[in-house]
Protein backbone atom coordinates (compact mmCIF):
# COMPACT_ATOMS: atom_id res chain seq x y z
CA MET A 1 159.23 130.26 115.69
CA GLU A 2 155.52 130.63 116.46
CA SER A 3 153.15 129.13 113.88
CA VAL A 4 149.64 130.33 113.09
CA ALA A 5 146.72 128.56 111.44
CA VAL A 6 145.19 130.27 108.41
CA ASP A 7 143.42 129.02 105.30
CA LEU A 8 145.57 130.85 102.73
CA ALA A 9 148.74 132.93 102.65
CA PHE A 10 149.87 135.31 99.88
CA GLY A 11 153.32 136.68 99.18
CA GLU A 12 154.19 140.33 98.63
CA ASP A 13 154.34 139.86 94.85
CA VAL A 14 150.76 138.53 94.58
CA GLU A 15 148.32 140.89 92.87
CA ASN A 16 144.94 141.93 94.27
CA GLU A 17 143.15 139.97 91.56
CA THR A 18 144.64 136.70 92.86
CA VAL A 19 143.52 137.53 96.41
CA TYR A 20 140.05 138.41 95.12
CA ARG A 21 139.69 135.14 93.21
CA ALA A 22 140.75 133.10 96.24
CA THR A 23 138.73 134.89 98.92
CA CYS A 24 135.95 137.19 97.78
CA VAL A 25 134.51 136.05 94.46
CA GLY A 26 132.31 133.40 96.12
CA LEU A 27 130.63 136.03 98.29
CA ILE A 28 128.90 137.53 95.23
CA GLY A 29 127.01 134.27 94.69
CA VAL A 30 125.96 134.27 98.36
CA ALA A 31 124.45 137.77 98.00
CA LEU A 32 122.72 136.90 94.71
CA GLY A 33 121.10 133.95 96.50
CA GLY A 34 119.62 136.18 99.20
CA GLY A 35 122.39 135.54 101.75
CA VAL A 36 124.92 137.74 103.51
CA GLY A 37 128.54 137.86 102.32
CA THR A 38 131.09 139.79 104.37
CA PHE A 39 134.67 140.61 103.43
CA LEU A 40 136.85 142.30 106.08
CA ALA A 41 140.34 143.72 105.62
CA TYR A 42 142.33 143.90 108.87
CA GLY A 43 145.87 144.98 109.62
CA GLN A 44 148.33 147.46 111.00
CA THR A 45 147.99 151.02 109.79
CA GLY A 46 150.17 151.48 106.71
CA SER A 47 150.33 147.77 105.86
CA GLY A 48 148.36 147.98 102.58
CA LYS A 49 144.91 147.17 103.96
CA THR A 50 143.06 149.93 102.11
CA HIS A 51 145.01 149.18 98.93
CA THR A 52 143.89 145.56 99.11
CA LEU A 53 140.24 146.37 99.74
CA THR A 54 140.14 148.98 96.97
CA GLY A 55 141.33 146.30 94.54
CA ILE A 56 138.64 143.95 95.85
CA GLN A 57 135.95 146.61 95.35
CA GLN A 58 137.09 147.25 91.79
CA SER A 59 136.95 143.53 90.98
CA VAL A 60 133.46 143.25 92.47
CA ALA A 61 132.36 146.23 90.35
CA ARG A 62 133.60 144.40 87.26
CA ASP A 63 132.12 140.98 88.09
CA LEU A 64 128.77 141.92 89.63
CA PHE A 65 126.97 142.33 86.31
CA GLU A 66 128.80 139.37 84.77
CA TYR A 67 127.48 137.12 87.53
CA ALA A 68 123.98 138.50 86.96
CA ARG A 69 124.28 137.56 83.27
CA GLU A 70 125.44 134.04 84.17
CA TYR A 71 122.55 133.70 86.62
CA ARG A 72 120.07 134.52 83.87
CA GLN A 73 121.64 131.93 81.57
CA MET A 74 121.67 129.30 84.33
CA HIS A 75 118.04 129.76 85.38
CA GLY A 76 116.57 130.40 81.97
CA ASN A 77 116.45 133.68 80.10
CA ARG A 78 113.95 136.18 81.39
CA SER A 79 113.55 139.34 79.40
CA SER A 80 112.70 142.81 80.61
CA ASN A 81 109.31 142.32 78.94
CA ASP A 82 108.65 139.39 81.28
CA ILE A 83 109.54 141.53 84.28
CA ALA A 84 107.32 144.35 83.02
CA ALA A 85 104.41 141.90 82.96
CA THR A 86 104.78 141.20 86.68
CA GLU A 87 106.16 144.59 87.74
CA PRO A 88 104.05 147.45 86.31
CA ASN A 89 106.72 150.07 87.02
CA ALA A 90 109.37 148.27 84.98
CA ALA A 91 109.44 149.50 81.40
CA PRO A 92 110.11 146.93 78.65
CA SER A 93 113.22 147.36 76.61
CA GLY A 94 114.54 145.88 73.41
CA VAL A 95 117.93 145.19 74.98
CA ASP A 96 118.09 143.46 78.34
CA PRO A 97 120.54 144.94 80.86
CA ASP A 98 123.00 142.69 82.67
CA ASP A 99 121.03 143.00 85.92
CA VAL A 100 117.60 142.14 84.46
CA ASP A 101 117.03 139.61 87.26
CA PHE A 102 118.39 141.88 90.01
CA ASP A 103 118.42 145.41 91.34
CA PHE A 104 121.79 146.42 92.81
CA HIS A 105 121.99 149.31 95.27
CA ALA A 106 125.26 150.54 96.79
CA SER A 107 125.90 152.70 99.82
CA PHE A 108 129.16 153.83 101.38
CA PHE A 109 129.47 154.95 104.98
CA GLU A 110 131.99 154.92 107.80
CA LEU A 111 131.77 154.07 111.49
CA PHE A 112 133.77 156.41 113.69
CA ALA A 113 133.51 155.75 117.43
CA ASN A 114 129.74 155.23 117.91
CA GLN A 115 128.67 157.43 115.01
CA ALA A 116 128.05 156.65 111.34
CA TYR A 117 128.64 159.05 108.43
CA ASP A 118 127.45 158.91 104.82
CA LEU A 119 130.42 158.95 102.42
CA LEU A 120 128.21 159.74 99.43
CA ASN A 121 126.48 162.72 101.04
CA ASP A 122 129.22 164.99 102.35
CA ARG A 123 129.65 162.93 105.54
CA ALA A 124 126.09 163.53 106.74
CA MET A 125 125.35 161.65 109.96
CA VAL A 126 123.26 158.49 109.65
CA LYS A 127 121.97 156.04 112.25
CA VAL A 128 122.56 152.29 112.53
CA GLN A 129 119.54 150.90 114.35
CA GLU A 130 117.68 147.66 114.91
CA ASP A 131 114.01 147.83 113.91
CA LYS A 132 111.10 146.10 115.65
CA PHE A 133 111.52 143.06 113.39
CA GLY A 134 115.17 142.61 114.42
CA SER A 135 116.62 143.82 111.10
CA ILE A 136 119.45 146.35 111.02
CA GLN A 137 118.62 149.58 109.20
CA ILE A 138 120.94 152.42 108.19
CA GLN A 139 118.60 155.37 108.35
CA SER A 140 118.97 158.24 105.86
CA VAL A 141 121.97 156.70 104.10
CA THR A 142 122.37 157.49 100.40
CA GLU A 143 121.83 154.50 98.12
CA HIS A 144 122.63 154.54 94.41
CA ARG A 145 121.10 152.05 92.02
CA LEU A 146 124.00 150.49 90.13
CA THR A 147 123.62 150.39 86.36
CA SER A 148 127.20 149.90 85.15
CA THR A 149 130.70 149.00 86.27
CA GLN A 150 131.96 152.51 85.54
CA GLN A 151 129.29 154.07 87.75
CA PHE A 152 130.27 151.74 90.60
CA LEU A 153 133.96 152.66 90.20
CA THR A 154 133.06 156.36 90.33
CA LEU A 155 131.17 155.86 93.59
CA ILE A 156 134.17 154.02 95.06
CA SER A 157 136.41 157.00 94.30
CA GLN A 158 133.90 159.51 95.70
CA ALA A 159 133.54 157.60 98.97
CA ALA A 160 137.30 157.16 99.40
CA ALA A 161 137.83 160.92 99.09
CA LEU A 162 135.55 161.61 102.08
CA ARG A 163 136.84 158.93 104.44
CA ARG A 164 138.31 160.14 107.73
CA THR A 165 142.12 159.87 107.88
CA GLU A 166 144.69 161.41 110.21
CA ALA A 167 148.47 161.56 110.29
CA THR A 168 150.09 159.22 112.82
CA ALA A 169 153.66 158.18 113.54
CA LYS A 170 153.21 155.16 111.26
CA ASN A 171 151.09 156.54 108.43
CA SER A 172 150.49 160.04 107.12
CA GLN A 173 146.99 158.97 106.03
CA SER A 174 145.97 156.48 108.69
CA SER A 175 142.37 155.22 108.49
CA ARG A 176 140.65 156.23 111.73
CA SER A 177 137.29 154.68 110.94
CA HIS A 178 135.73 151.49 109.60
CA ALA A 179 134.72 152.14 105.99
CA ILE A 180 131.86 150.00 104.70
CA CYS A 181 130.64 149.43 101.17
CA ARG A 182 127.24 147.76 101.30
CA ILE A 183 125.69 146.25 98.17
CA ARG A 184 122.02 145.36 98.51
CA VAL A 185 120.72 142.83 95.99
CA THR A 186 117.01 142.58 95.20
CA ASN A 187 115.96 139.46 93.28
CA ARG A 188 113.36 140.60 90.74
CA ARG A 189 112.71 137.03 89.63
CA ILE A 190 111.59 136.14 93.18
CA PRO A 191 110.23 139.38 94.75
CA SER A 192 109.39 137.67 98.06
CA LEU A 193 113.04 136.72 98.59
CA GLU A 194 114.79 138.79 101.25
CA ASP A 195 117.42 141.15 99.86
CA GLY A 196 120.93 139.72 99.69
CA LEU A 197 123.76 141.77 101.20
CA LEU A 198 127.44 142.06 100.38
CA TYR A 199 129.61 143.97 102.84
CA LEU A 200 133.13 145.06 101.89
CA VAL A 201 134.70 146.42 105.06
CA ASP A 202 137.99 148.27 105.40
CA LEU A 203 138.63 148.10 109.14
CA ALA A 204 140.39 150.93 110.91
CA GLY A 205 144.14 150.41 111.17
CA SER A 206 145.19 148.57 114.32
CA GLU A 207 147.94 150.06 116.47
CA SER A 208 150.23 148.78 119.19
CA THR A 209 151.14 150.69 122.34
CA ASN A 210 154.42 151.81 120.77
CA ASP A 211 152.57 153.16 117.73
CA SER A 212 150.25 155.28 119.85
CA LYS A 213 152.59 156.59 122.55
CA PHE A 214 153.11 159.87 120.69
CA HIS A 215 149.38 160.41 120.00
CA ASP A 216 147.57 163.45 121.31
CA LYS A 217 144.38 163.15 123.35
CA ASP A 218 142.11 162.86 120.30
CA ARG A 219 144.23 160.18 118.62
CA LEU A 220 144.39 158.16 121.86
CA SER A 221 140.61 158.32 122.18
CA GLU A 222 140.27 157.12 118.57
CA THR A 223 142.71 154.27 119.19
CA ARG A 224 140.72 153.08 122.22
CA GLU A 225 137.48 153.02 120.23
CA ILE A 226 139.17 151.22 117.32
CA ASN A 227 140.64 148.53 119.56
CA LYS A 228 137.33 148.11 121.40
CA SER A 229 135.38 147.49 118.20
CA LEU A 230 138.07 145.15 116.81
CA HIS A 231 137.97 143.12 120.02
CA ALA A 232 134.16 142.88 119.76
CA LEU A 233 134.51 141.72 116.15
CA LYS A 234 136.94 138.98 117.16
CA GLU A 235 134.65 137.74 119.94
CA CYS A 236 131.63 137.63 117.63
CA ILE A 237 133.44 135.66 114.91
CA ARG A 238 134.94 133.20 117.39
CA ASN A 239 131.73 132.64 119.34
CA ARG A 240 129.68 132.27 116.17
CA ALA A 241 132.03 129.49 115.06
CA LEU A 242 131.93 127.84 118.50
CA SER A 243 128.13 127.90 118.51
CA THR A 244 128.09 125.31 115.72
CA SER A 245 129.67 122.67 117.98
CA GLY A 246 126.41 122.18 119.86
CA GLN A 247 128.26 121.29 123.07
CA ARG A 248 127.33 124.31 125.15
CA PHE A 249 125.48 127.60 125.07
CA VAL A 250 127.55 130.35 123.44
CA HIS A 251 126.60 134.02 123.51
CA VAL A 252 127.47 136.09 120.43
CA PRO A 253 127.80 139.72 121.68
CA TYR A 254 127.01 141.49 118.40
CA ARG A 255 125.43 144.48 120.20
CA THR A 256 128.76 145.40 121.80
CA SER A 257 129.72 147.80 118.99
CA LYS A 258 128.12 149.52 116.00
CA LEU A 259 130.30 147.47 113.65
CA THR A 260 129.17 144.09 114.96
CA MET A 261 125.56 145.28 115.21
CA LEU A 262 125.72 146.25 111.53
CA LEU A 263 126.92 142.72 110.72
CA LYS A 264 124.22 141.10 112.86
CA SER A 265 123.04 138.83 110.04
CA ALA A 266 126.51 137.27 109.87
CA PHE A 267 126.56 136.52 113.60
CA GLU A 268 123.01 135.81 114.75
CA ILE A 269 122.54 132.09 115.29
CA ALA A 270 118.81 132.12 114.53
CA ASP A 271 119.16 133.95 111.21
CA MET A 272 117.83 131.75 108.39
CA ARG A 273 119.92 133.24 105.59
CA GLN A 274 123.13 131.74 104.31
CA SER A 275 126.09 133.69 105.65
CA ARG A 276 129.77 133.59 104.78
CA THR A 277 132.52 135.76 106.27
CA VAL A 278 136.09 136.18 105.03
CA ILE A 279 138.76 138.19 106.82
CA VAL A 280 142.11 139.06 105.25
CA GLY A 281 145.04 140.29 107.34
CA THR A 282 147.70 142.53 105.80
CA LEU A 283 151.27 142.55 107.11
CA ALA A 284 153.98 145.20 106.96
CA PRO A 285 157.33 143.78 105.72
CA SER A 286 159.58 146.06 107.81
CA ILE A 287 161.61 144.53 110.63
CA PHE A 288 160.51 147.45 112.82
CA ASP A 289 156.94 146.20 112.55
CA THR A 290 157.66 142.66 113.74
CA GLN A 291 155.68 143.04 116.96
CA GLN A 292 152.61 144.41 115.21
CA THR A 293 152.91 141.74 112.51
CA SER A 294 152.84 139.10 115.25
CA ASN A 295 149.78 140.78 116.76
CA THR A 296 147.99 140.74 113.40
CA LEU A 297 148.78 137.06 112.87
CA ARG A 298 147.60 136.29 116.40
CA PHE A 299 144.34 138.16 115.79
CA ILE A 300 143.71 136.32 112.53
CA SER A 301 144.64 132.88 113.84
CA ASN A 302 142.34 133.29 116.87
CA LEU A 303 139.41 133.61 114.47
CA LYS A 304 140.00 130.13 113.06
CA VAL A 305 138.24 127.98 115.62
CA ALA A 306 138.67 124.23 115.56
CA VAL A 307 135.18 122.95 116.27
CA PRO A 308 135.44 119.62 118.11
CA VAL A 309 133.90 116.62 116.41
CA THR A 310 131.39 115.02 118.73
CA LYS A 311 129.23 111.95 118.53
CA GLN A 312 125.80 112.59 117.08
CA LEU A 313 123.51 112.48 120.08
CA ALA A 314 120.43 113.67 118.23
CA LYS A 315 117.78 111.06 117.58
CA PRO A 316 117.96 110.00 113.90
CA ASN A 317 114.95 111.25 111.92
CA ASN A 318 113.54 113.20 114.86
CA PRO A 319 110.28 114.62 113.41
CA LEU A 320 110.93 117.93 115.21
CA ASP A 321 114.54 118.32 114.04
CA PRO A 322 115.13 118.71 110.26
CA SER A 323 118.90 118.53 110.75
CA SER A 324 118.54 114.87 111.81
CA TRP A 325 116.59 113.76 108.72
CA ASP A 326 118.07 111.46 106.13
CA ASN A 327 117.04 111.77 102.48
CA ALA A 328 114.20 109.23 102.70
CA PHE A 329 112.60 110.94 105.71
CA LEU A 330 113.06 114.37 104.10
CA ARG A 331 111.34 113.22 100.90
CA SER A 332 108.43 111.83 102.92
CA TRP A 333 108.07 115.13 104.82
CA VAL A 334 108.17 117.21 101.62
CA THR A 335 105.47 115.09 99.97
CA SER A 336 103.17 115.20 103.00
CA THR A 337 103.67 118.93 103.59
CA TYR A 338 103.33 120.25 100.03
CA SER A 339 102.27 117.54 97.62
CA LEU A 340 102.96 119.63 94.48
CA ILE A 341 106.69 119.73 95.20
CA ASN A 342 108.60 116.88 93.62
CA PRO A 343 111.38 115.65 95.96
CA GLU A 344 113.37 114.60 92.90
CA ILE A 345 113.66 118.30 92.02
CA LEU A 346 113.95 119.84 95.49
CA CYS A 347 116.10 117.27 97.29
CA PRO A 348 117.27 114.46 94.98
CA TYR A 349 120.05 113.41 97.36
CA GLU A 350 120.27 115.97 100.19
CA SER A 351 119.73 115.21 103.85
CA GLY A 352 117.71 117.60 105.99
CA LYS A 353 120.84 119.41 107.14
CA GLN A 354 122.11 119.78 103.57
CA LEU A 355 118.80 121.17 102.35
CA CYS A 356 118.77 123.76 105.15
CA ARG A 357 122.13 124.98 103.89
CA VAL A 358 120.76 125.65 100.40
CA PRO A 359 120.39 129.44 99.88
CA GLU A 360 116.80 130.64 100.01
CA GLY A 361 116.88 131.82 96.41
CA GLU A 362 118.00 128.45 95.09
CA PHE A 363 115.49 126.64 97.35
CA ILE A 364 112.61 128.69 95.92
CA GLU A 365 113.91 128.32 92.36
CA ARG A 366 113.89 124.52 92.71
CA CYS A 367 110.36 124.49 94.08
CA LEU A 368 109.01 126.77 91.34
CA LYS A 369 110.20 124.26 88.73
CA CYS A 370 107.46 121.90 89.99
CA PRO A 371 104.18 122.33 88.04
CA GLY A 372 101.36 124.04 89.93
CA THR A 373 103.51 125.65 92.66
CA THR A 374 103.19 129.35 93.45
CA GLU A 375 105.77 131.69 94.88
CA LYS A 376 103.57 132.51 97.88
CA ARG A 377 103.02 128.86 98.80
CA VAL A 378 106.67 128.00 98.24
CA LYS A 379 107.77 130.86 100.50
CA ALA A 380 105.41 129.62 103.23
CA PHE A 381 106.78 126.09 102.78
CA TYR A 382 110.36 127.38 103.17
CA LEU A 383 109.43 129.33 106.32
CA LYS A 384 107.73 126.25 107.78
CA LEU A 385 110.92 124.21 107.38
CA TRP A 386 113.07 126.94 108.88
CA GLY A 387 110.57 127.52 111.67
CA MET A 388 111.16 123.92 112.73
CA VAL A 389 114.94 124.51 112.62
CA VAL A 390 114.68 127.62 114.81
CA ASP A 391 112.32 125.91 117.27
CA GLN A 392 114.75 123.00 117.63
CA ARG A 393 117.65 125.40 118.22
CA THR A 394 115.60 127.19 120.88
CA ARG A 395 114.88 123.92 122.65
CA GLY A 396 118.57 123.00 122.49
CA ARG A 397 119.64 126.36 123.91
CA LYS A 398 117.22 126.03 126.81
CA GLU A 399 118.61 122.59 127.57
CA LYS A 400 122.18 123.93 127.53
CA LEU A 401 121.23 126.86 129.76
CA ALA A 402 119.67 124.47 132.24
CA LEU A 403 123.04 122.69 132.54
CA ARG A 404 124.92 125.87 133.47
CA PRO A 405 126.24 125.90 137.08
CA GLY A 406 123.78 127.40 139.55
CA VAL A 407 120.80 127.50 137.18
CA GLU A 408 119.02 124.57 138.79
CA GLU A 409 119.71 125.92 142.29
CA ARG A 410 118.31 129.33 141.38
CA ARG A 411 115.22 127.72 139.86
CA ARG A 412 114.57 125.74 143.03
CA ALA A 413 115.11 128.82 145.19
CA GLU A 414 112.62 130.78 143.08
CA GLU A 415 110.08 127.99 143.41
CA GLU A 416 110.50 127.99 147.21
CA ILE A 417 110.06 131.78 147.33
CA ASN A 418 106.92 131.54 145.20
CA LYS A 419 105.50 128.85 147.46
CA MET A 420 106.22 130.98 150.56
CA MET A 421 104.55 134.02 148.95
CA ILE A 422 101.48 131.95 148.02
CA ALA A 423 101.29 130.52 151.53
CA ALA A 424 101.63 134.00 153.05
CA GLY A 425 98.85 135.28 150.80
CA GLU A 426 96.51 132.47 151.83
CA ARG A 427 97.04 133.31 155.49
């Protein structure tokens, strides 16, 4: 019997709440910290994928405000009156809402082929585009500011009613699109912090050749687009994991499909934000679905990449490479770069690599605990550290590219051609 490598496995009697606690609950903290959390549900059409994700969405709706309340307690109470003092448009209130430190905005849309449709605005067409700063924008999509769990649950039901489904041989209501719930989190305590994002994605149902042999022309076209985007997703997740090995240059093809472009922040190597991605595969228990169950397990197991452990070739405490710094060198750099920041507060034990993994929100919160620091200066300090990380990655990628077969030969040939052109011009 073929074995597959996964992190967790759940039986058919396990409730959605158990799956949520084991897989998705940690993603809320990532989004609150200004990072990108992504939860993807994958599986054969009719295997319970949408049922699972709906349960996940309902649990997120319940816990989102609870986590905001815990955040306020952890980082010191801040009343709405305090926010009104720094944000003129925020009206003070006698009773603080659960999201006093955050603004939550939710949007629901679906990706069908290469088009996107707003599920909260009668399926109006929207555009997924990359702006001049490299950020992904969903133009004209409807966003609702979340104020309560019940409001969030109502939006979930409204979006589900407008999602595209079609009858197939396997499922009378087969999902023919990727449905995305996007929660954008604005940190009102630290306005300069980039918005956190939480994506809850119900992927279109996968189908085998046997499942689609009775499809008409339209269904076959849909199946091709679905499989193409799922393949692109697999390649992006695998290559993003492989890129951490540092052994060779790895291209992450996130522009291959609208789905992977939307999730650019989860795949782009140079992105500074913390990112965490979880994918859950659902399986049909019927013996007639054995082949497709094997395909699902194969798809999931291929995403779990064993990154080889290599000897550390980087020079210890390289001044240009923060990931090589030990705690003593890091403390020295912090003191010399921004003397008001106390290393005992920012990095009491962390190495350079560990500090770079701290979410931006937590990093800024630590710095602001030091007397005399300002949010603007702290933000600049954070960007300086991450600028060094990105520059080092760029240097490493250029070195890896130079080692690729034929690169050196092409460079020499180009130099020879340039010399010949210069010589011809002089004559």
